[in-house]
Amino acid sequence: MPSGIIKRLVRDRGFGFIRDDAGQEWFFHRSTVAQGAFDELAEGQRVSFDEETSAKGPRAGNVRADA
């Protein structure tokens, strides 16, 4: 399970970007945040996620804050 840091959040549009430990960027949407906790996330916060793919590139699914 990959992990990384939230690089950018665009709260009003409901999405963000994660930079994983290898330096790759992953897009995520508020609908993919575990337990609907999008509003509790913050830039610089460490998270884990599932790898997904889309026509536009790598996408993070089941995003959850690390303890």
N, C-alpha and C. Protein backbone atom coordinates (compact mmCIF):
# COMPACT_ATOMS: atom_id res chain seq x y z
N MET A 1 0.85 -1.18 0.00
CA MET A 1 0.00 0.00 0.00
C MET A 1 0.90 1.24 0.00
N PRO A 2 0.79 2.07 -1.04
CA PRO A 2 1.62 3.27 -1.10
C PRO A 2 1.22 4.31 -0.06
N SER A 3 2.16 5.16 0.24
CA SER A 3 1.88 6.27 1.14
C SER A 3 2.62 7.50 0.63
N GLY A 4 2.23 8.65 1.14
CA GLY A 4 2.86 9.89 0.72
C GLY A 4 2.31 11.05 1.52
N ILE A 5 2.55 12.24 0.99
CA ILE A 5 2.16 13.48 1.66
C ILE A 5 1.23 14.26 0.74
N ILE A 6 0.20 14.85 1.32
CA ILE A 6 -0.70 15.68 0.53
C ILE A 6 0.06 16.93 0.11
N LYS A 7 0.22 17.06 -1.19
CA LYS A 7 0.96 18.19 -1.76
C LYS A 7 0.07 19.41 -1.90
N ARG A 8 -1.18 19.18 -2.34
CA ARG A 8 -2.09 20.30 -2.56
C ARG A 8 -3.53 19.86 -2.40
N LEU A 9 -4.32 20.70 -1.76
CA LEU A 9 -5.77 20.48 -1.62
C LEU A 9 -6.51 21.64 -2.26
N VAL A 10 -7.51 21.33 -3.03
CA VAL A 10 -8.39 22.35 -3.60
C VAL A 10 -9.77 22.07 -3.01
N ARG A 11 -9.99 22.58 -1.82
CA ARG A 11 -11.20 22.25 -1.05
C ARG A 11 -12.49 22.62 -1.77
N ASP A 12 -12.53 23.81 -2.35
CA ASP A 12 -13.78 24.25 -2.97
C ASP A 12 -14.16 23.43 -4.20
N ARG A 13 -13.20 22.73 -4.79
CA ARG A 13 -13.50 21.88 -5.95
C ARG A 13 -13.46 20.40 -5.60
N GLY A 14 -13.04 20.06 -4.36
CA GLY A 14 -13.13 18.69 -3.87
C GLY A 14 -12.09 17.72 -4.38
N PHE A 15 -10.87 18.20 -4.60
CA PHE A 15 -9.82 17.27 -5.02
C PHE A 15 -8.47 17.72 -4.48
N GLY A 16 -7.47 16.88 -4.70
CA GLY A 16 -6.13 17.21 -4.26
C GLY A 16 -5.11 16.32 -4.95
N PHE A 17 -3.85 16.52 -4.55
CA PHE A 17 -2.75 15.75 -5.10
C PHE A 17 -1.86 15.24 -3.97
N ILE A 18 -1.40 14.02 -4.13
CA ILE A 18 -0.50 13.38 -3.17
C ILE A 18 0.83 13.15 -3.88
N ARG A 19 1.93 13.41 -3.19
CA ARG A 19 3.25 13.03 -3.70
C ARG A 19 3.69 11.82 -2.89
N ASP A 20 3.88 10.69 -3.58
CA ASP A 20 4.26 9.46 -2.88
C ASP A 20 5.74 9.48 -2.51
N ASP A 21 6.19 8.47 -1.79
CA ASP A 21 7.56 8.43 -1.29
C ASP A 21 8.59 8.33 -2.41
N ALA A 22 8.16 7.91 -3.61
CA ALA A 22 9.06 7.82 -4.76
C ALA A 22 9.05 9.10 -5.59
N GLY A 23 8.21 10.07 -5.22
CA GLY A 23 8.15 11.35 -5.92
C GLY A 23 7.08 11.46 -6.99
N GLN A 24 6.28 10.41 -7.18
CA GLN A 24 5.21 10.44 -8.18
C GLN A 24 4.00 11.15 -7.60
N GLU A 25 3.30 11.91 -8.45
CA GLU A 25 2.08 12.60 -8.02
C GLU A 25 0.85 11.79 -8.36
N TRP A 26 -0.12 11.82 -7.43
CA TRP A 26 -1.38 11.10 -7.57
C TRP A 26 -2.53 12.07 -7.34
N PHE A 27 -3.48 12.07 -8.24
CA PHE A 27 -4.71 12.84 -8.09
C PHE A 27 -5.67 12.08 -7.18
N PHE A 28 -6.45 12.79 -6.37
CA PHE A 28 -7.54 12.15 -5.65
C PHE A 28 -8.73 13.09 -5.56
N HIS A 29 -9.91 12.49 -5.49
CA HIS A 29 -11.17 13.23 -5.39
C HIS A 29 -11.77 12.99 -4.02
N ARG A 30 -12.54 13.93 -3.54
CA ARG A 30 -13.16 13.80 -2.20
C ARG A 30 -13.94 12.50 -2.05
N SER A 31 -14.50 11.97 -3.13
CA SER A 31 -15.29 10.74 -3.06
C SER A 31 -14.42 9.52 -2.78
N THR A 32 -13.11 9.63 -2.93
CA THR A 32 -12.22 8.49 -2.69
C THR A 32 -11.55 8.54 -1.31
N VAL A 33 -11.91 9.53 -0.51
CA VAL A 33 -11.33 9.63 0.84
C VAL A 33 -12.13 8.74 1.79
N ALA A 34 -11.43 7.89 2.50
CA ALA A 34 -12.07 6.93 3.41
C ALA A 34 -12.95 7.65 4.43
N GLN A 35 -14.10 7.11 4.66
CA GLN A 35 -15.06 7.57 5.66
C GLN A 35 -15.45 9.03 5.48
N GLY A 36 -15.38 9.54 4.26
CA GLY A 36 -15.81 10.90 3.98
C GLY A 36 -15.07 11.97 4.74
N ALA A 37 -13.81 11.74 5.06
CA ALA A 37 -13.03 12.65 5.90
C ALA A 37 -12.23 13.67 5.10
N PHE A 38 -12.70 14.07 3.92
CA PHE A 38 -11.96 15.02 3.09
C PHE A 38 -11.68 16.33 3.83
N ASP A 39 -12.67 16.84 4.54
CA ASP A 39 -12.51 18.12 5.23
C ASP A 39 -11.52 18.06 6.39
N GLU A 40 -11.14 16.87 6.81
CA GLU A 40 -10.17 16.71 7.90
C GLU A 40 -8.74 16.62 7.41
N LEU A 41 -8.54 16.52 6.09
CA LEU A 41 -7.20 16.44 5.53
C LEU A 41 -6.56 17.81 5.45
N ALA A 42 -5.22 17.84 5.46
CA ALA A 42 -4.48 19.09 5.37
C ALA A 42 -3.24 18.90 4.51
N GLU A 43 -2.82 19.97 3.84
CA GLU A 43 -1.59 19.91 3.06
C GLU A 43 -0.44 19.56 4.00
N GLY A 44 0.45 18.69 3.54
CA GLY A 44 1.59 18.25 4.34
C GLY A 44 1.29 17.04 5.20
N GLN A 45 0.04 16.61 5.25
CA GLN A 45 -0.36 15.45 6.06
C GLN A 45 0.03 14.16 5.36
N ARG A 46 0.47 13.18 6.14
CA ARG A 46 0.85 11.87 5.61
C ARG A 46 -0.40 11.01 5.46
N VAL A 47 -0.52 10.35 4.30
CA VAL A 47 -1.67 9.51 3.99
C VAL A 47 -1.23 8.22 3.32
N SER A 48 -2.10 7.22 3.36
CA SER A 48 -1.94 5.98 2.62
C SER A 48 -3.07 5.90 1.61
N PHE A 49 -2.87 5.14 0.54
CA PHE A 49 -3.91 5.07 -0.49
C PHE A 49 -3.72 3.82 -1.34
N ASP A 50 -4.75 3.52 -2.11
CA ASP A 50 -4.70 2.43 -3.08
C ASP A 50 -4.38 3.01 -4.45
N GLU A 51 -3.61 2.29 -5.23
CA GLU A 51 -3.26 2.73 -6.58
C GLU A 51 -4.40 2.43 -7.54
N GLU A 52 -4.78 3.43 -8.33
CA GLU A 52 -5.77 3.27 -9.38
C GLU A 52 -5.23 3.96 -10.63
N THR A 53 -5.82 3.67 -11.76
CA THR A 53 -5.43 4.35 -12.99
C THR A 53 -6.66 4.97 -13.62
N SER A 54 -6.42 6.01 -14.38
CA SER A 54 -7.50 6.65 -15.12
C SER A 54 -6.93 7.09 -16.47
N ALA A 55 -7.79 7.55 -17.33
CA ALA A 55 -7.35 8.01 -18.65
C ALA A 55 -6.41 9.21 -18.53
N LYS A 56 -6.49 9.92 -17.41
CA LYS A 56 -5.66 11.11 -17.21
C LYS A 56 -4.39 10.83 -16.42
N GLY A 57 -4.19 9.60 -15.97
CA GLY A 57 -2.97 9.27 -15.23
C GLY A 57 -3.24 8.60 -13.90
N PRO A 58 -2.21 8.54 -13.03
CA PRO A 58 -2.37 7.86 -11.76
C PRO A 58 -3.38 8.55 -10.85
N ARG A 59 -4.18 7.73 -10.19
CA ARG A 59 -5.21 8.24 -9.29
C ARG A 59 -5.15 7.46 -7.98
N ALA A 60 -5.32 8.16 -6.87
CA ALA A 60 -5.32 7.53 -5.56
C ALA A 60 -6.75 7.22 -5.16
N GLY A 61 -6.97 6.03 -4.63
CA GLY A 61 -8.29 5.63 -4.14
C GLY A 61 -8.19 5.24 -2.68
N ASN A 62 -9.30 5.23 -1.99
CA ASN A 62 -9.36 4.85 -0.59
C ASN A 62 -8.29 5.59 0.22
N VAL A 63 -8.22 6.91 0.06
CA VAL A 63 -7.23 7.73 0.75
C VAL A 63 -7.58 7.81 2.23
N ARG A 64 -6.59 7.57 3.08
CA ARG A 64 -6.82 7.63 4.53
C ARG A 64 -5.60 8.21 5.24
N ALA A 65 -5.85 8.98 6.26
CA ALA A 65 -4.79 9.60 7.03
C ALA A 65 -4.02 8.54 7.80
N ASP A 66 -2.70 8.64 7.83
CA ASP A 66 -1.87 7.74 8.63
C ASP A 66 -1.97 8.13 10.10
N ALA A 67 -1.91 7.14 10.93
CA ALA A 67 -2.01 7.39 12.38
C ALA A 67 -0.71 7.94 12.93
